Amino acid sequence: MNIEYTVQIWKEGDQYIAHTMPLDVMSSGKTPEEAKRAVKEAVELFIATAKDVGALNDILEECGCRLFQS
């Protein structure tokens, strides 16, 4: 499954914060690259969990996304 999202990264104190839109998932790291890797992992876990509990379609719909079956 491919989900396109935008990652915004900014510095707060000694940490870099990464935030994905439109999924609204956040993570952090000591460098921008570390924060980006951490948020990618967080998105993957978020999607897997949403799928496991049967909420993925509803979440994607809320974000303005659609799931296409191939």
PDB file of N, CA and C in Angstrom:
ATOM      1  N   MET A   1       0.849  -1.168   0.000  1.00  0.00           N
ATOM      2  CA  MET A   1       0.000   0.000   0.000  1.00  0.00           C
ATOM      3  C   MET A   1       0.897   1.233   0.000  1.00  0.00           C
ATOM      4  N   ASN A   2       0.618   2.147  -0.892  1.00  0.00           N
ATOM      5  CA  ASN A   2       1.334   3.418  -0.954  1.00  0.00           C
ATOM      6  C   ASN A   2       0.398   4.532  -0.533  1.00  0.00           C
ATOM      7  N   ILE A   3       0.830   5.286   0.454  1.00  0.00           N
ATOM      8  CA  ILE A   3       0.071   6.450   0.893  1.00  0.00           C
ATOM      9  C   ILE A   3       1.001   7.649   0.789  1.00  0.00           C
ATOM     10  N   GLU A   4       0.580   8.622   0.019  1.00  0.00           N
ATOM     11  CA  GLU A   4       1.377   9.833  -0.123  1.00  0.00           C
ATOM     12  C   GLU A   4       1.035  10.796   1.002  1.00  0.00           C
ATOM     13  N   TYR A   5       2.066  11.362   1.592  1.00  0.00           N
ATOM     14  CA  TYR A   5       1.867  12.350   2.639  1.00  0.00           C
ATOM     15  C   TYR A   5       3.030  13.328   2.629  1.00  0.00           C
ATOM     16  N   THR A   6       2.789  14.485   3.193  1.00  0.00           N
ATOM     17  CA  THR A   6       3.807  15.525   3.297  1.00  0.00           C
ATOM     18  C   THR A   6       4.376  15.506   4.702  1.00  0.00           C
ATOM     19  N   VAL A   7       5.688  15.645   4.816  1.00  0.00           N
ATOM     20  CA  VAL A   7       6.336  15.693   6.123  1.00  0.00           C
ATOM     21  C   VAL A   7       6.886  17.098   6.344  1.00  0.00           C
ATOM     22  N   GLN A   8       6.469  17.699   7.444  1.00  0.00           N
ATOM     23  CA  GLN A   8       7.019  18.993   7.863  1.00  0.00           C
ATOM     24  C   GLN A   8       7.972  18.716   9.015  1.00  0.00           C
ATOM     25  N   ILE A   9       9.155  19.313   8.971  1.00  0.00           N
ATOM     26  CA  ILE A   9      10.150  19.105  10.026  1.00  0.00           C
ATOM     27  C   ILE A   9      10.585  20.458  10.556  1.00  0.00           C
ATOM     28  N   TRP A  10      10.607  20.574  11.891  1.00  0.00           N
ATOM     29  CA  TRP A  10      11.086  21.792  12.522  1.00  0.00           C
ATOM     30  C   TRP A  10      11.834  21.429  13.800  1.00  0.00           C
ATOM     31  N   LYS A  11      12.610  22.376  14.285  1.00  0.00           N
ATOM     32  CA  LYS A  11      13.414  22.144  15.476  1.00  0.00           C
ATOM     33  C   LYS A  11      12.728  22.743  16.699  1.00  0.00           C
ATOM     34  N   GLU A  12      12.673  21.942  17.759  1.00  0.00           N
ATOM     35  CA  GLU A  12      12.191  22.402  19.056  1.00  0.00           C
ATOM     36  C   GLU A  12      13.235  21.998  20.085  1.00  0.00           C
ATOM     37  N   GLY A  13      13.904  22.979  20.649  1.00  0.00           N
ATOM     38  CA  GLY A  13      14.981  22.667  21.592  1.00  0.00           C
ATOM     39  C   GLY A  13      16.086  21.921  20.881  1.00  0.00           C
ATOM     40  N   ASP A  14      16.436  20.739  21.410  1.00  0.00           N
ATOM     41  CA  ASP A  14      17.497  19.949  20.779  1.00  0.00           C
ATOM     42  C   ASP A  14      16.946  18.796  19.938  1.00  0.00           C
ATOM     43  N   GLN A  15      15.641  18.799  19.670  1.00  0.00           N
ATOM     44  CA  GLN A  15      15.002  17.755  18.875  1.00  0.00           C
ATOM     45  C   GLN A  15      14.394  18.331  17.601  1.00  0.00           C
ATOM     46  N   TYR A  16      14.344  17.494  16.584  1.00  0.00           N
ATOM     47  CA  TYR A  16      13.631  17.830  15.356  1.00  0.00           C
ATOM     48  C   TYR A  16      12.304  17.076  15.379  1.00  0.00           C
ATOM     49  N   ILE A  17      11.240  17.783  15.109  1.00  0.00           N
ATOM     50  CA  ILE A  17       9.902  17.221  15.106  1.00  0.00           C
ATOM     51  C   ILE A  17       9.467  17.023  13.655  1.00  0.00           C
ATOM     52  N   ALA A  18       8.930  15.848  13.367  1.00  0.00           N
ATOM     53  CA  ALA A  18       8.423  15.541  12.028  1.00  0.00           C
ATOM     54  C   ALA A  18       6.922  15.283  12.147  1.00  0.00           C
ATOM     55  N   HIS A  19       6.148  15.929  11.282  1.00  0.00           N
ATOM     56  CA  HIS A  19       4.684  15.827  11.308  1.00  0.00           C
ATOM     57  C   HIS A  19       4.194  15.518   9.907  1.00  0.00           C
ATOM     58  N   THR A  20       3.339  14.508   9.788  1.00  0.00           N
ATOM     59  CA  THR A  20       2.797  14.144   8.479  1.00  0.00           C
ATOM     60  C   THR A  20       1.400  14.698   8.302  1.00  0.00           C
ATOM     61  N   MET A  21       1.159  15.192   7.120  1.00  0.00           N
ATOM     62  CA  MET A  21      -0.168  15.657   6.745  1.00  0.00           C
ATOM     63  C   MET A  21      -0.611  14.843   5.538  1.00  0.00           C
ATOM     64  N   PRO A  22      -1.806  14.411   5.428  1.00  0.00           N
ATOM     65  CA  PRO A  22      -2.951  14.706   6.276  1.00  0.00           C
ATOM     66  C   PRO A  22      -3.170  13.688   7.387  1.00  0.00           C
ATOM     67  N   LEU A  23      -2.250  12.743   7.593  1.00  0.00           N
ATOM     68  CA  LEU A  23      -2.471  11.686   8.581  1.00  0.00           C
ATOM     69  C   LEU A  23      -2.367  12.170  10.022  1.00  0.00           C
ATOM     70  N   ASP A  24      -1.704  13.287  10.257  1.00  0.00           N
ATOM     71  CA  ASP A  24      -1.544  13.864  11.589  1.00  0.00           C
ATOM     72  C   ASP A  24      -0.785  12.926  12.529  1.00  0.00           C
ATOM     73  N   VAL A  25       0.314  12.359  12.026  1.00  0.00           N
ATOM     74  CA  VAL A  25       1.201  11.500  12.812  1.00  0.00           C
ATOM     75  C   VAL A  25       2.485  12.271  13.033  1.00  0.00           C
ATOM     76  N   MET A  26       3.030  12.195  14.264  1.00  0.00           N
ATOM     77  CA  MET A  26       4.248  12.936  14.591  1.00  0.00           C
ATOM     78  C   MET A  26       5.274  12.017  15.231  1.00  0.00           C
ATOM     79  N   SER A  27       6.540  12.394  15.077  1.00  0.00           N
ATOM     80  CA  SER A  27       7.638  11.734  15.764  1.00  0.00           C
ATOM     81  C   SER A  27       8.792  12.726  15.843  1.00  0.00           C
ATOM     82  N   SER A  28       9.909  12.289  16.402  1.00  0.00           N
ATOM     83  CA  SER A  28      11.033  13.217  16.551  1.00  0.00           C
ATOM     84  C   SER A  28      12.356  12.471  16.460  1.00  0.00           C
ATOM     85  N   GLY A  29      13.431  13.254  16.351  1.00  0.00           N
ATOM     86  CA  GLY A  29      14.774  12.702  16.307  1.00  0.00           C
ATOM     87  C   GLY A  29      15.797  13.788  16.573  1.00  0.00           C
ATOM     88  N   LYS A  30      17.049  13.369  16.731  1.00  0.00           N
ATOM     89  CA  LYS A  30      18.130  14.324  17.019  1.00  0.00           C
ATOM     90  C   LYS A  30      18.583  15.084  15.779  1.00  0.00           C
ATOM     91  N   THR A  31      18.263  14.541  14.586  1.00  0.00           N
ATOM     92  CA  THR A  31      18.581  15.195  13.321  1.00  0.00           C
ATOM     93  C   THR A  31      17.325  15.180  12.461  1.00  0.00           C
ATOM     94  N   PRO A  32      17.274  16.023  11.436  1.00  0.00           N
ATOM     95  CA  PRO A  32      16.109  15.969  10.541  1.00  0.00           C
ATOM     96  C   PRO A  32      15.933  14.587   9.893  1.00  0.00           C
ATOM     97  N   GLU A  33      17.045  13.952   9.522  1.00  0.00           N
ATOM     98  CA  GLU A  33      16.971  12.636   8.891  1.00  0.00           C
ATOM     99  C   GLU A  33      16.431  11.590   9.861  1.00  0.00           C
ATOM    100  N   GLU A  34      16.867  11.661  11.126  1.00  0.00           N
ATOM    101  CA  GLU A  34      16.381  10.733  12.144  1.00  0.00           C
ATOM    102  C   GLU A  34      14.885  10.945  12.399  1.00  0.00           C
ATOM    103  N   ALA A  35      14.469  12.190  12.435  1.00  0.00           N
ATOM    104  CA  ALA A  35      13.045  12.496  12.638  1.00  0.00           C
ATOM    105  C   ALA A  35      12.217  11.978  11.470  1.00  0.00           C
ATOM    106  N   LYS A  36      12.739  12.112  10.258  1.00  0.00           N
ATOM    107  CA  LYS A  36      12.022  11.641   9.075  1.00  0.00           C
ATOM    108  C   LYS A  36      11.893  10.122   9.092  1.00  0.00           C
ATOM    109  N   ARG A  37      12.966   9.418   9.471  1.00  0.00           N
ATOM    110  CA  ARG A  37      12.900   7.955   9.577  1.00  0.00           C
ATOM    111  C   ARG A  37      11.908   7.534  10.662  1.00  0.00           C
ATOM    112  N   ALA A  38      11.934   8.246  11.788  1.00  0.00           N
ATOM    113  CA  ALA A  38      11.047   7.907  12.905  1.00  0.00           C
ATOM    114  C   ALA A  38       9.587   8.117  12.534  1.00  0.00           C
ATOM    115  N   VAL A  39       9.286   9.196  11.828  1.00  0.00           N
ATOM    116  CA  VAL A  39       7.889   9.434  11.461  1.00  0.00           C
ATOM    117  C   VAL A  39       7.435   8.447  10.389  1.00  0.00           C
ATOM    118  N   LYS A  40       8.329   8.020   9.524  1.00  0.00           N
ATOM    119  CA  LYS A  40       7.978   6.998   8.526  1.00  0.00           C
ATOM    120  C   LYS A  40       7.589   5.708   9.239  1.00  0.00           C
ATOM    121  N   GLU A  41       8.369   5.318  10.243  1.00  0.00           N
ATOM    122  CA  GLU A  41       8.044   4.125  11.018  1.00  0.00           C
ATOM    123  C   GLU A  41       6.714   4.309  11.759  1.00  0.00           C
ATOM    124  N   ALA A  42       6.497   5.487  12.322  1.00  0.00           N
ATOM    125  CA  ALA A  42       5.245   5.766  13.037  1.00  0.00           C
ATOM    126  C   ALA A  42       4.044   5.681  12.095  1.00  0.00           C
ATOM    127  N   VAL A  43       4.191   6.186  10.878  1.00  0.00           N
ATOM    128  CA  VAL A  43       3.103   6.112   9.887  1.00  0.00           C
ATOM    129  C   VAL A  43       2.820   4.647   9.544  1.00  0.00           C
ATOM    130  N   GLU A  44       3.873   3.863   9.336  1.00  0.00           N
ATOM    131  CA  GLU A  44       3.680   2.448   9.012  1.00  0.00           C
ATOM    132  C   GLU A  44       2.936   1.723  10.135  1.00  0.00           C
ATOM    133  N   LEU A  45       3.309   2.004  11.391  1.00  0.00           N
ATOM    134  CA  LEU A  45       2.626   1.386  12.528  1.00  0.00           C
ATOM    135  C   LEU A  45       1.192   1.878  12.658  1.00  0.00           C
ATOM    136  N   PHE A  46       0.982   3.159  12.411  1.00  0.00           N
ATOM    137  CA  PHE A  46      -0.361   3.737  12.458  1.00  0.00           C
ATOM    138  C   PHE A  46      -1.266   3.064  11.435  1.00  0.00           C
ATOM    139  N   ILE A  47      -0.775   2.906  10.209  1.00  0.00           N
ATOM    140  CA  ILE A  47      -1.551   2.284   9.138  1.00  0.00           C
ATOM    141  C   ILE A  47      -1.835   0.811   9.467  1.00  0.00           C
ATOM    142  N   ALA A  48      -0.817   0.089   9.945  1.00  0.00           N
ATOM    143  CA  ALA A  48      -0.989  -1.325  10.285  1.00  0.00           C
ATOM    144  C   ALA A  48      -2.027  -1.494  11.394  1.00  0.00           C
ATOM    145  N   THR A  49      -1.953  -0.653  12.404  1.00  0.00           N
ATOM    146  CA  THR A  49      -2.904  -0.733  13.510  1.00  0.00           C
ATOM    147  C   THR A  49      -4.310  -0.389  13.046  1.00  0.00           C
ATOM    148  N   ALA A  50      -4.443   0.662  12.259  1.00  0.00           N
ATOM    149  CA  ALA A  50      -5.758   1.045  11.737  1.00  0.00           C
ATOM    150  C   ALA A  50      -6.353  -0.075  10.901  1.00  0.00           C
ATOM    151  N   LYS A  51      -5.515  -0.731  10.117  1.00  0.00           N
ATOM    152  CA  LYS A  51      -5.981  -1.852   9.297  1.00  0.00           C
ATOM    153  C   LYS A  51      -6.420  -3.015  10.187  1.00  0.00           C
ATOM    154  N   ASP A  52      -5.621  -3.324  11.216  1.00  0.00           N
ATOM    155  CA  ASP A  52      -5.936  -4.435  12.126  1.00  0.00           C
ATOM    156  C   ASP A  52      -7.262  -4.241  12.848  1.00  0.00           C
ATOM    157  N   VAL A  53      -7.586  -3.017  13.216  1.00  0.00           N
ATOM    158  CA  VAL A  53      -8.830  -2.767  13.959  1.00  0.00           C
ATOM    159  C   VAL A  53     -10.001  -2.426  13.034  1.00  0.00           C
ATOM    160  N   GLY A  54      -9.751  -2.451  11.722  1.00  0.00           N
ATOM    161  CA  GLY A  54     -10.825  -2.225  10.760  1.00  0.00           C
ATOM    162  C   GLY A  54     -11.203  -0.771  10.561  1.00  0.00           C
ATOM    163  N   ALA A  55     -10.302   0.138  10.901  1.00  0.00           N
ATOM    164  CA  ALA A  55     -10.611   1.567  10.804  1.00  0.00           C
ATOM    165  C   ALA A  55      -9.888   2.269   9.659  1.00  0.00           C
ATOM    166  N   LEU A  56      -9.096   1.546   8.887  1.00  0.00           N
ATOM    167  CA  LEU A  56      -8.261   2.187   7.865  1.00  0.00           C
ATOM    168  C   LEU A  56      -9.080   2.960   6.839  1.00  0.00           C
ATOM    169  N   ASN A  57     -10.130   2.362   6.311  1.00  0.00           N
ATOM    170  CA  ASN A  57     -10.935   3.062   5.299  1.00  0.00           C
ATOM    171  C   ASN A  57     -11.528   4.346   5.860  1.00  0.00           C
ATOM    172  N   ASP A  58     -12.039   4.305   7.088  1.00  0.00           N
ATOM    173  CA  ASP A  58     -12.617   5.500   7.707  1.00  0.00           C
ATOM    174  C   ASP A  58     -11.562   6.588   7.903  1.00  0.00           C
ATOM    175  N   ILE A  59     -10.377   6.197   8.358  1.00  0.00           N
ATOM    176  CA  ILE A  59      -9.295   7.165   8.579  1.00  0.00           C
ATOM    177  C   ILE A  59      -8.868   7.795   7.265  1.00  0.00           C
ATOM    178  N   LEU A  60      -8.684   6.980   6.243  1.00  0.00           N
ATOM    179  CA  LEU A  60      -8.276   7.512   4.936  1.00  0.00           C
ATOM    180  C   LEU A  60      -9.344   8.441   4.367  1.00  0.00           C
ATOM    181  N   GLU A  61     -10.599   8.071   4.554  1.00  0.00           N
ATOM    182  CA  GLU A  61     -11.693   8.919   4.084  1.00  0.00           C
ATOM    183  C   GLU A  61     -11.674  10.274   4.799  1.00  0.00           C
ATOM    184  N   GLU A  62     -11.457  10.258   6.121  1.00  0.00           N
ATOM    185  CA  GLU A  62     -11.361  11.502   6.902  1.00  0.00           C
ATOM    186  C   GLU A  62     -10.241  12.398   6.398  1.00  0.00           C
ATOM    187  N   CYS A  63      -9.158  11.767   5.933  1.00  0.00           N
ATOM    188  CA  CYS A  63      -8.003  12.519   5.438  1.00  0.00           C
ATOM    189  C   CYS A  63      -8.187  12.990   4.004  1.00  0.00           C
ATOM    190  N   GLY A  64      -9.296  12.598   3.386  1.00  0.00           N
ATOM    191  CA  GLY A  64      -9.522  12.974   2.001  1.00  0.00           C
ATOM    192  C   GLY A  64      -8.883  12.028   1.015  1.00  0.00           C
ATOM    193  N   CYS A  65      -8.506  10.829   1.485  1.00  0.00           N
ATOM    194  CA  CYS A  65      -7.874   9.825   0.630  1.00  0.00           C
ATOM    195  C   CYS A  65      -8.884   8.736   0.293  1.00  0.00           C
ATOM    196  N   ARG A  66      -8.581   7.992  -0.752  1.00  0.00           N
ATOM    197  CA  ARG A  66      -9.402   6.859  -1.119  1.00  0.00           C
ATOM    198  C   ARG A  66      -8.515   5.646  -1.294  1.00  0.00           C
ATOM    199  N   LEU A  67      -9.023   4.484  -0.908  1.00  0.00           N
ATOM    200  CA  LEU A  67      -8.301   3.239  -1.050  1.00  0.00           C
ATOM    201  C   LEU A  67      -8.705   2.597  -2.378  1.00  0.00           C
ATOM    202  N   PHE A  68      -7.718   2.320  -3.212  1.00  0.00           N
ATOM    203  CA  PHE A  68      -7.963   1.676  -4.509  1.00  0.00           C
ATOM    204  C   PHE A  68      -7.467   0.249  -4.439  1.00  0.00           C
ATOM    205  N   GLN A  69      -8.308  -0.679  -4.783  1.00  0.00           N
ATOM    206  CA  GLN A  69      -7.939  -2.091  -4.844  1.00  0.00           C
ATOM    207  C   GLN A  69      -7.484  -2.400  -6.268  1.00  0.00           C
ATOM    208  N   SER A  70      -6.390  -3.137  -6.397  1.00  0.00           N
ATOM    209  CA  SER A  70      -5.923  -3.493  -7.747  1.00  0.00           C
ATOM    210  C   SER A  70      -6.089  -4.962  -8.002  1.00  0.00           C
TER     211      SER A  70
END
